[in-house]
Protein backbone atom coordinates (compact mmCIF):
# COMPACT_ATOMS: atom_id res chain seq x y z
CA MET A 1 16.25 17.71 -14.82
CA GLY A 2 12.92 19.46 -15.21
CA ALA A 3 11.07 21.38 -12.52
CA ASN A 4 8.52 18.60 -12.14
CA ILE A 5 11.16 16.08 -11.00
CA SER A 6 10.65 15.03 -7.39
CA GLN A 7 13.21 15.49 -4.63
CA LEU A 8 13.63 11.71 -4.42
CA GLU A 9 14.48 11.49 -8.13
CA ARG A 10 17.00 14.30 -7.63
CA ASP A 11 18.55 12.50 -4.65
CA ILE A 12 18.89 9.25 -6.59
CA GLY A 13 19.96 10.95 -9.84
CA SER A 14 18.47 10.31 -13.25
CA ASP A 15 21.51 8.29 -14.36
CA GLN A 16 21.32 6.15 -11.19
CA PHE A 17 17.55 5.60 -11.14
CA PRO A 18 16.91 1.87 -11.66
CA PRO A 19 14.98 1.12 -14.86
CA ASN A 20 11.55 -0.49 -14.34
CA GLU A 21 11.58 0.36 -10.62
CA HIS A 22 8.97 2.48 -8.83
CA TYR A 23 9.09 4.04 -5.38
CA PHE A 24 5.57 4.75 -4.17
CA GLY A 25 4.51 5.63 -0.66
CA LEU A 26 1.22 4.28 0.71
CA VAL A 27 -1.54 6.54 2.02
CA ASN A 28 -2.42 6.03 5.71
CA PHE A 29 -6.12 5.43 6.46
CA GLY A 30 -6.03 6.66 10.05
CA ASN A 31 -4.03 3.85 11.66
CA THR A 32 -2.66 1.74 8.80
CA CYS A 33 1.06 2.47 9.19
CA TYR A 34 1.40 -1.08 10.62
CA SER A 35 0.20 -2.43 7.26
CA ASN A 36 2.00 0.11 5.05
CA SER A 37 5.39 -0.58 6.63
CA VAL A 38 5.10 -4.37 6.24
CA LEU A 39 3.77 -4.13 2.66
CA GLN A 40 6.74 -1.97 1.62
CA ALA A 41 9.17 -4.45 3.17
CA LEU A 42 7.48 -7.34 1.34
CA TYR A 43 7.34 -5.44 -1.96
CA PHE A 44 11.11 -5.04 -1.88
CA CYS A 45 11.71 -8.69 -0.99
CA ARG A 46 12.14 -9.49 -4.66
CA PRO A 47 11.23 -13.23 -4.59
CA PHE A 48 7.95 -12.36 -2.85
CA ARG A 49 7.11 -9.50 -5.21
CA GLU A 50 7.81 -11.66 -8.27
CA LYS A 51 5.53 -14.46 -7.03
CA VAL A 52 2.69 -12.03 -6.21
CA LEU A 53 2.94 -10.42 -9.67
CA GLU A 54 3.10 -13.88 -11.26
CA TYR A 55 -0.08 -14.80 -9.34
CA LYS A 56 -1.72 -11.64 -10.74
CA ALA A 57 -0.76 -12.59 -14.30
CA LYS A 58 -2.11 -16.14 -13.94
CA ASN A 59 -5.34 -15.26 -12.11
CA ARG A 60 -7.03 -12.56 -14.13
CA ARG A 61 -10.56 -13.62 -13.25
CA THR A 62 -10.70 -14.68 -9.63
CA LYS A 63 -12.84 -14.26 -6.56
CA GLU A 64 -11.65 -11.30 -4.49
CA THR A 65 -9.34 -12.40 -1.69
CA LEU A 66 -6.66 -10.68 0.35
CA LEU A 67 -4.10 -12.17 -2.04
CA SER A 68 -5.86 -10.87 -5.15
CA CYS A 69 -6.07 -7.41 -3.53
CA LEU A 70 -2.36 -7.55 -2.66
CA ALA A 71 -1.57 -8.64 -6.24
CA ASP A 72 -3.61 -5.72 -7.60
CA LEU A 73 -1.74 -3.30 -5.31
CA PHE A 74 1.70 -4.62 -6.29
CA TYR A 75 0.73 -4.58 -9.97
CA SER A 76 -0.52 -1.00 -9.64
CA ILE A 77 2.83 0.11 -8.17
CA ALA A 78 4.90 -1.86 -10.69
CA THR A 79 3.05 -0.41 -13.72
CA GLN A 80 2.90 3.26 -12.72
CA LYS A 81 3.91 5.70 -15.46
CA LYS A 82 5.69 7.91 -12.92
CA LYS A 83 8.80 6.68 -11.13
CA VAL A 84 7.82 8.03 -7.71
CA GLY A 85 4.65 9.13 -5.94
CA SER A 86 2.05 7.74 -3.57
CA ILE A 87 -0.84 5.33 -3.90
CA ALA A 88 -3.88 4.59 -1.71
CA PRO A 89 -4.19 0.85 -0.88
CA LYS A 90 -7.93 1.31 -0.33
CA LYS A 91 -9.12 -2.06 -1.67
CA PHE A 92 -6.47 -4.01 0.24
CA ILE A 93 -7.29 -2.34 3.58
CA ALA A 94 -11.04 -2.79 3.03
CA ARG A 95 -10.48 -6.50 2.36
CA LEU A 96 -8.15 -6.85 5.35
CA ARG A 97 -10.80 -5.36 7.65
CA LYS A 98 -13.35 -7.80 6.23
CA GLU A 99 -11.08 -10.81 6.69
CA LYS A 100 -10.04 -10.16 10.28
CA GLU A 101 -12.18 -8.15 12.66
CA GLU A 102 -9.22 -7.34 14.93
CA PHE A 103 -7.96 -5.04 12.17
CA ASP A 104 -11.39 -3.48 11.56
CA ASN A 105 -10.94 -0.41 13.76
CA TYR A 106 -8.79 2.69 14.11
CA MET A 107 -6.65 1.49 17.01
CA GLN A 108 -2.89 1.02 16.80
CA GLN A 109 -2.16 -2.49 15.52
CA ASP A 110 0.94 -4.63 15.80
CA ALA A 111 3.00 -4.92 12.61
CA HIS A 112 4.21 -8.42 13.48
CA GLU A 113 0.68 -9.70 14.09
CA PHE A 114 -0.26 -8.30 10.70
CA LEU A 115 2.75 -9.92 8.95
CA ASN A 116 2.01 -13.22 10.67
CA PHE A 117 -1.66 -13.11 9.64
CA LEU A 118 -0.92 -12.00 6.07
CA ILE A 119 1.70 -14.69 5.31
CA ASN A 120 -0.41 -17.48 6.82
CA HIS A 121 -3.60 -16.25 5.15
CA ILE A 122 -1.99 -15.96 1.70
CA ASN A 123 -0.66 -19.50 2.13
CA GLU A 124 -4.16 -20.75 3.03
CA ILE A 125 -5.66 -19.04 -0.03
CA ILE A 126 -3.10 -20.68 -2.34
CA LEU A 127 -3.76 -24.10 -0.78
CA ALA A 128 -7.54 -23.64 -0.98
CA GLU A 129 -7.38 -22.55 -4.64
CA ARG A 130 -5.08 -25.46 -5.44
CA ASN A 131 -7.48 -27.92 -3.78
CA GLN A 132 -10.41 -26.32 -5.59
CA ALA A 133 -8.63 -26.67 -8.93
CA LYS A 134 -7.93 -30.35 -8.19
CA ALA A 135 -11.56 -30.92 -7.25
CA GLY A 136 -12.73 -29.14 -10.38
CA GLY A 137 -14.46 -26.55 -8.25
CA ALA A 138 -17.11 -28.95 -6.99
CA GLY A 139 -18.00 -28.39 -3.37
CA SER A 140 -14.71 -26.65 -2.55
CA LYS A 141 -14.41 -23.51 -0.54
CA ALA A 142 -13.05 -20.57 -2.49
CA SER A 143 -11.56 -18.75 0.45
CA GLY A 144 -8.77 -19.86 2.77
CA THR A 145 -9.47 -22.27 5.56
CA GLY A 146 -6.84 -22.91 8.15
CA ASN A 147 -6.19 -24.17 11.60
CA GLY A 148 -7.29 -20.88 13.15
CA SER A 149 -3.82 -20.13 14.44
CA ALA A 150 -2.85 -17.74 11.69
CA GLY A 151 -3.35 -14.53 13.63
CA ALA A 152 -1.74 -13.14 16.72
CA SER A 153 -1.11 -16.42 18.51
CA VAL A 154 2.52 -17.32 18.85
CA ILE A 155 4.19 -20.62 19.63
CA ALA A 156 6.15 -20.31 22.85
CA ASN A 157 9.54 -21.33 21.49
CA GLY A 158 9.77 -18.41 19.13
CA ALA A 159 8.41 -19.71 15.85
CA SER A 160 5.32 -18.17 14.32
CA PRO A 161 2.49 -20.58 13.61
CA GLN A 162 1.51 -21.57 10.12
CA ASP A 163 -1.08 -23.70 8.46
CA ASN A 164 -0.07 -27.36 8.18
CA THR A 165 -3.48 -28.88 7.49
CA SER A 166 -3.00 -29.22 3.72
CA ASN A 167 0.76 -29.36 3.75
CA SER A 168 1.18 -33.02 2.83
CA THR A 169 1.33 -32.10 -0.87
CA GLU A 170 4.01 -30.04 -2.59
CA PRO A 171 4.88 -26.74 -0.87
CA THR A 172 3.41 -23.40 -1.94
CA TRP A 173 5.58 -20.50 -3.05
CA VAL A 174 5.01 -18.97 0.39
CA HIS A 175 6.69 -22.04 1.90
CA GLU A 176 9.51 -21.81 -0.65
CA ILE A 177 10.23 -18.20 0.28
CA PHE A 178 9.64 -17.96 4.05
CA GLN A 179 9.53 -21.43 5.54
CA GLY A 180 12.39 -22.74 7.60
CA ILE A 181 12.56 -25.71 9.95
CA LEU A 182 13.49 -25.64 13.62
CA THR A 183 14.54 -28.80 15.37
CA SER A 184 14.10 -29.24 19.10
CA GLU A 185 16.82 -31.56 20.43
CA THR A 186 16.31 -33.14 23.87
CA ARG A 187 19.03 -35.24 25.50
CA CYS A 188 18.08 -37.45 28.44
CA LEU A 189 20.69 -36.99 31.18
CA ASN A 190 20.07 -40.53 32.44
CA CYS A 191 20.52 -42.62 29.28
CA GLU A 192 22.06 -39.95 26.97
CA THR A 193 19.48 -40.68 24.23
CA VAL A 194 18.83 -37.66 22.01
CA SER A 195 15.35 -37.20 20.56
CA SER A 196 14.50 -34.47 18.10
CA LYS A 197 11.28 -32.94 16.86
CA ASP A 198 10.98 -30.73 13.79
CA GLU A 199 8.72 -27.72 13.46
CA ASN A 200 8.11 -25.33 10.56
CA PHE A 201 8.34 -21.56 10.95
CA PHE A 202 7.67 -18.49 8.83
CA ASP A 203 9.61 -16.14 11.12
CA LEU A 204 11.82 -16.42 14.18
CA GLN A 205 11.01 -14.44 17.30
CA VAL A 206 13.93 -13.53 19.52
CA ASP A 207 14.20 -11.91 22.94
CA VAL A 208 16.26 -8.74 23.23
CA ASP A 209 18.83 -7.73 25.84
CA GLN A 210 20.46 -4.38 26.48
CA ASN A 211 23.36 -3.47 24.16
CA THR A 212 23.48 -6.67 22.19
CA SER A 213 23.37 -7.92 18.60
CA ILE A 214 21.17 -10.12 16.44
CA THR A 215 23.85 -12.83 16.51
CA HIS A 216 23.75 -12.78 20.32
CA CYS A 217 19.94 -12.91 20.30
CA LEU A 218 19.99 -15.96 18.01
CA ARG A 219 22.63 -17.63 20.17
CA CYS A 220 20.42 -17.12 23.24
CA PHE A 221 17.47 -18.48 21.25
CA SER A 222 19.42 -21.73 20.89
CA ASN A 223 20.87 -21.84 24.43
CA THR A 224 20.67 -25.19 26.21
CA GLU A 225 17.85 -25.36 28.75
CA THR A 226 17.86 -27.92 31.57
CA LEU A 227 14.54 -29.67 32.21
CA CYS A 228 14.32 -30.66 35.85
CA SER A 229 12.09 -30.70 38.97
CA ASP A 230 8.45 -30.31 37.85
CA ASN A 231 9.55 -29.83 34.27
CA LYS A 232 11.23 -33.19 33.66
CA PHE A 233 11.22 -34.85 30.26
CA LYS A 234 9.41 -38.15 29.65
CA CYS A 235 12.11 -40.31 28.09
CA ASP A 236 10.75 -43.10 25.88
CA ASN A 237 13.96 -45.07 26.30
CA CYS A 238 13.90 -44.91 30.12
CA CYS A 239 10.06 -45.14 30.18
CA SER A 240 10.04 -42.52 32.93
CA TYR A 241 10.45 -38.80 33.61
CA GLN A 242 14.11 -37.77 33.65
CA GLU A 243 16.22 -34.66 33.84
CA ALA A 244 17.18 -33.58 30.33
CA GLN A 245 18.81 -30.84 28.30
CA LYS A 246 16.91 -29.18 25.47
CA ARG A 247 17.88 -26.73 22.75
CA MET A 248 16.35 -25.25 19.60
CA ARG A 249 18.40 -25.11 16.42
CA VAL A 250 17.71 -24.19 12.80
CA LYS A 251 17.57 -27.24 10.54
CA LYS A 252 16.43 -25.58 7.29
CA LEU A 253 17.37 -21.99 6.59
CA PRO A 254 14.67 -20.08 4.66
CA MET A 255 15.20 -18.05 1.48
CA ILE A 256 13.90 -14.96 3.29
CA LEU A 257 14.69 -14.97 6.99
CA ALA A 258 12.23 -12.80 8.92
CA LEU A 259 13.38 -11.99 12.46
CA HIS A 260 10.92 -10.51 14.96
CA LEU A 261 12.51 -8.69 17.89
CA LYS A 262 10.23 -9.15 20.89
CA ARG A 263 10.13 -5.52 21.93
CA PHE A 264 6.74 -5.57 23.66
CA LYS A 265 6.71 -7.41 26.99
CA TYR A 266 3.98 -7.83 29.55
CA MET A 267 5.00 -6.41 32.95
CA GLU A 268 2.94 -7.63 35.88
CA GLN A 269 3.77 -4.64 38.08
CA TYR A 270 2.28 -2.28 35.45
CA ASN A 271 -0.46 -4.71 34.38
CA ARG A 272 0.28 -3.90 30.73
CA HIS A 273 2.75 -4.36 27.88
CA ILE A 274 5.75 -2.04 27.77
CA LYS A 275 8.22 -1.37 24.99
CA VAL A 276 11.78 -2.66 25.34
CA SER A 277 13.88 -0.11 23.46
CA HIS A 278 17.24 -1.81 24.09
CA ARG A 279 19.94 -1.28 21.51
CA VAL A 280 20.24 -4.34 19.25
CA VAL A 281 22.76 -4.16 16.41
CA PHE A 282 21.60 -5.81 13.20
CA PRO A 283 24.32 -6.22 10.57
CA LEU A 284 23.99 -5.75 6.81
CA GLU A 285 25.30 -9.32 6.40
CA LEU A 286 24.26 -12.24 8.58
CA ARG A 287 25.28 -15.86 8.88
CA LEU A 288 23.43 -18.17 11.25
CA PHE A 289 25.53 -20.09 13.77
CA ASN A 290 22.68 -21.82 15.61
CA THR A 291 22.19 -24.50 12.95
CA SER A 292 21.75 -28.23 13.53
CA ASP A 293 24.41 -30.78 12.54
CA ASP A 294 22.17 -32.04 9.73
CA ALA A 295 21.18 -28.59 8.44
CA VAL A 296 20.61 -28.57 4.68
CA ASN A 297 22.28 -25.24 3.94
CA PRO A 298 24.13 -24.15 7.11
CA ASP A 299 26.48 -21.70 5.38
CA ARG A 300 23.82 -19.51 3.80
CA LEU A 301 24.83 -15.88 3.82
CA TYR A 302 22.05 -13.32 4.22
CA ASP A 303 21.84 -9.67 3.24
CA LEU A 304 19.60 -7.22 5.08
CA MET A 305 16.82 -6.21 2.68
CA ALA A 306 14.24 -4.42 4.82
CA VAL A 307 13.45 -3.37 8.38
CA VAL A 308 10.07 -2.51 9.88
CA ILE A 309 10.71 0.10 12.56
CA HIS A 310 8.54 0.99 15.55
CA CYS A 311 8.70 4.65 16.58
CA GLY A 312 7.45 5.66 20.00
CA SER A 313 7.42 4.71 23.64
CA GLY A 314 4.83 1.93 23.85
CA PRO A 315 2.84 -0.73 22.01
CA ASN A 316 -0.44 1.19 21.96
CA ARG A 317 0.99 4.47 20.78
CA GLY A 318 3.54 5.29 18.18
CA HIS A 319 4.11 4.76 14.51
CA TYR A 320 5.62 2.27 12.05
CA ILE A 321 7.96 3.10 9.18
CA SER A 322 10.22 0.89 7.08
CA ILE A 323 13.59 1.06 5.41
CA VAL A 324 14.35 -1.04 2.34
CA LYS A 325 17.35 -1.77 0.17
CA SER A 326 16.75 -1.37 -3.55
CA HIS A 327 19.39 -1.68 -6.26
CA GLY A 328 22.22 -0.94 -3.84
CA PHE A 329 20.78 2.05 -1.99
CA TRP A 330 18.48 2.53 0.99
CA LEU A 331 15.07 4.19 1.10
CA LEU A 332 12.86 5.18 4.02
CA PHE A 333 9.11 4.72 3.62
CA ASP A 334 6.95 6.69 6.05
CA ASP A 335 3.39 6.10 4.81
CA ASP A 336 3.09 8.25 1.65
CA MET A 337 6.57 9.82 2.06
CA VAL A 338 9.67 8.24 0.49
CA ASP A 339 13.24 9.44 1.11
CA LYS A 340 16.68 8.19 0.16
CA ILE A 341 18.91 7.60 3.19
CA GLU A 342 22.57 6.75 3.70
CA ALA A 343 23.43 3.22 4.86
CA SER A 344 25.01 4.76 7.99
CA THR A 345 21.54 6.02 9.02
CA ILE A 346 20.54 2.40 9.74
CA GLU A 347 22.45 2.64 13.02
CA ASP A 348 19.83 5.16 14.20
CA PHE A 349 17.32 2.29 14.34
CA TYR A 350 19.31 -0.09 16.57
CA GLY A 351 17.63 1.28 19.71
CA LEU A 352 18.66 3.11 22.87
CA THR A 353 21.85 2.62 24.86
CA SER A 354 20.10 3.79 28.03
CA ASP A 355 16.53 3.84 29.31
CA ILE A 356 16.66 7.53 30.21
CA GLN A 357 15.36 8.57 26.78
CA LYS A 358 11.69 7.73 26.40
CA SER A 359 10.93 7.90 22.70
CA SER A 360 12.80 5.67 20.31
CA GLU A 361 12.93 4.38 16.76
CA THR A 362 13.82 0.71 16.93
CA GLY A 363 14.14 -2.14 14.48
CA TYR A 364 11.19 -4.47 15.04
CA ILE A 365 11.05 -6.93 12.11
CA LEU A 366 14.17 -7.64 10.07
CA PHE A 367 14.08 -9.21 6.62
CA TYR A 368 17.25 -10.96 5.46
CA GLN A 369 17.46 -12.38 1.95
CA SER A 370 19.67 -15.34 1.17
CA ARG A 371 22.43 -14.32 -1.21
CA ASP A 372 22.03 -17.48 -3.27
CA CYS A 373 18.54 -16.40 -4.38
CA ALA A 374 19.43 -12.85 -5.37
């Protein structure tokens, strides 16, 4: 190997380096690690990358949107002459700050809020462009319009909101990749009638406990809750309020399962959000057990593909990095730095076994890819 070969290329080895793959860090513009870490995770979710690059190929002359800027960024990485290096996502960040004023500052931002906004906003753009094409461009809006819930707001039961306003037609590729369906099952304890209500999600948000696992978190997510006292359920069969049991289960398992660990909790005694650094084990392989009886694909096996990691002691201070799996090995992306890591290093990001240590590097958003779409 020549003297101009990077350390990363040495670590991977010229004979092991995947053909047509590029590992490029992203320059940080003051506070944009929240964006950089999520973008790297999404770039290495292969179904997502392929659809974004396909969008780029099909839309050569288009009005600038966040999606077109993302497509340009992905295309720029994918067509670099060098195998490794760094790139400045200047146009994407400028567009992001135009689209959503909450991101137009130099404060620490939340990576999950950004992911939530980005996925919903891309979906809205695709729907708007599809509607515009159908209408022949007459009187249609060129940019995304949605239900306004596509930012930081979160539905209480742990599913992130998404735009359903134009969803009566065929699904977008965002739906095909990220969308799952939750079903809320409520059983009246008086007449035993079970009613269910379906709800779409782009990611699942789970509470964390000390020294636990993702499987445990998902089991708790689907624990049976008793509705009683002031919280009784209005049973249509009984035509009155009754005690009932309710539980959430997964009815449709998505191609890419994004799991958000709720590590930032509001504490009344401190009058602020604190970080919960509890140790949560996330396996390299995952099978969901909290599926409904009529689930379409209950036996889907998932492989861990990427993790967005929060480093630091609190929500308003700290740093985001990400680890991704590419062609059988793991890489750590820390803004413009890229390093190869051993799979055993992943354990370092589970979290803390005790609360004595203050600073921590903890898994925050996990991306699992269904094996049947690999």
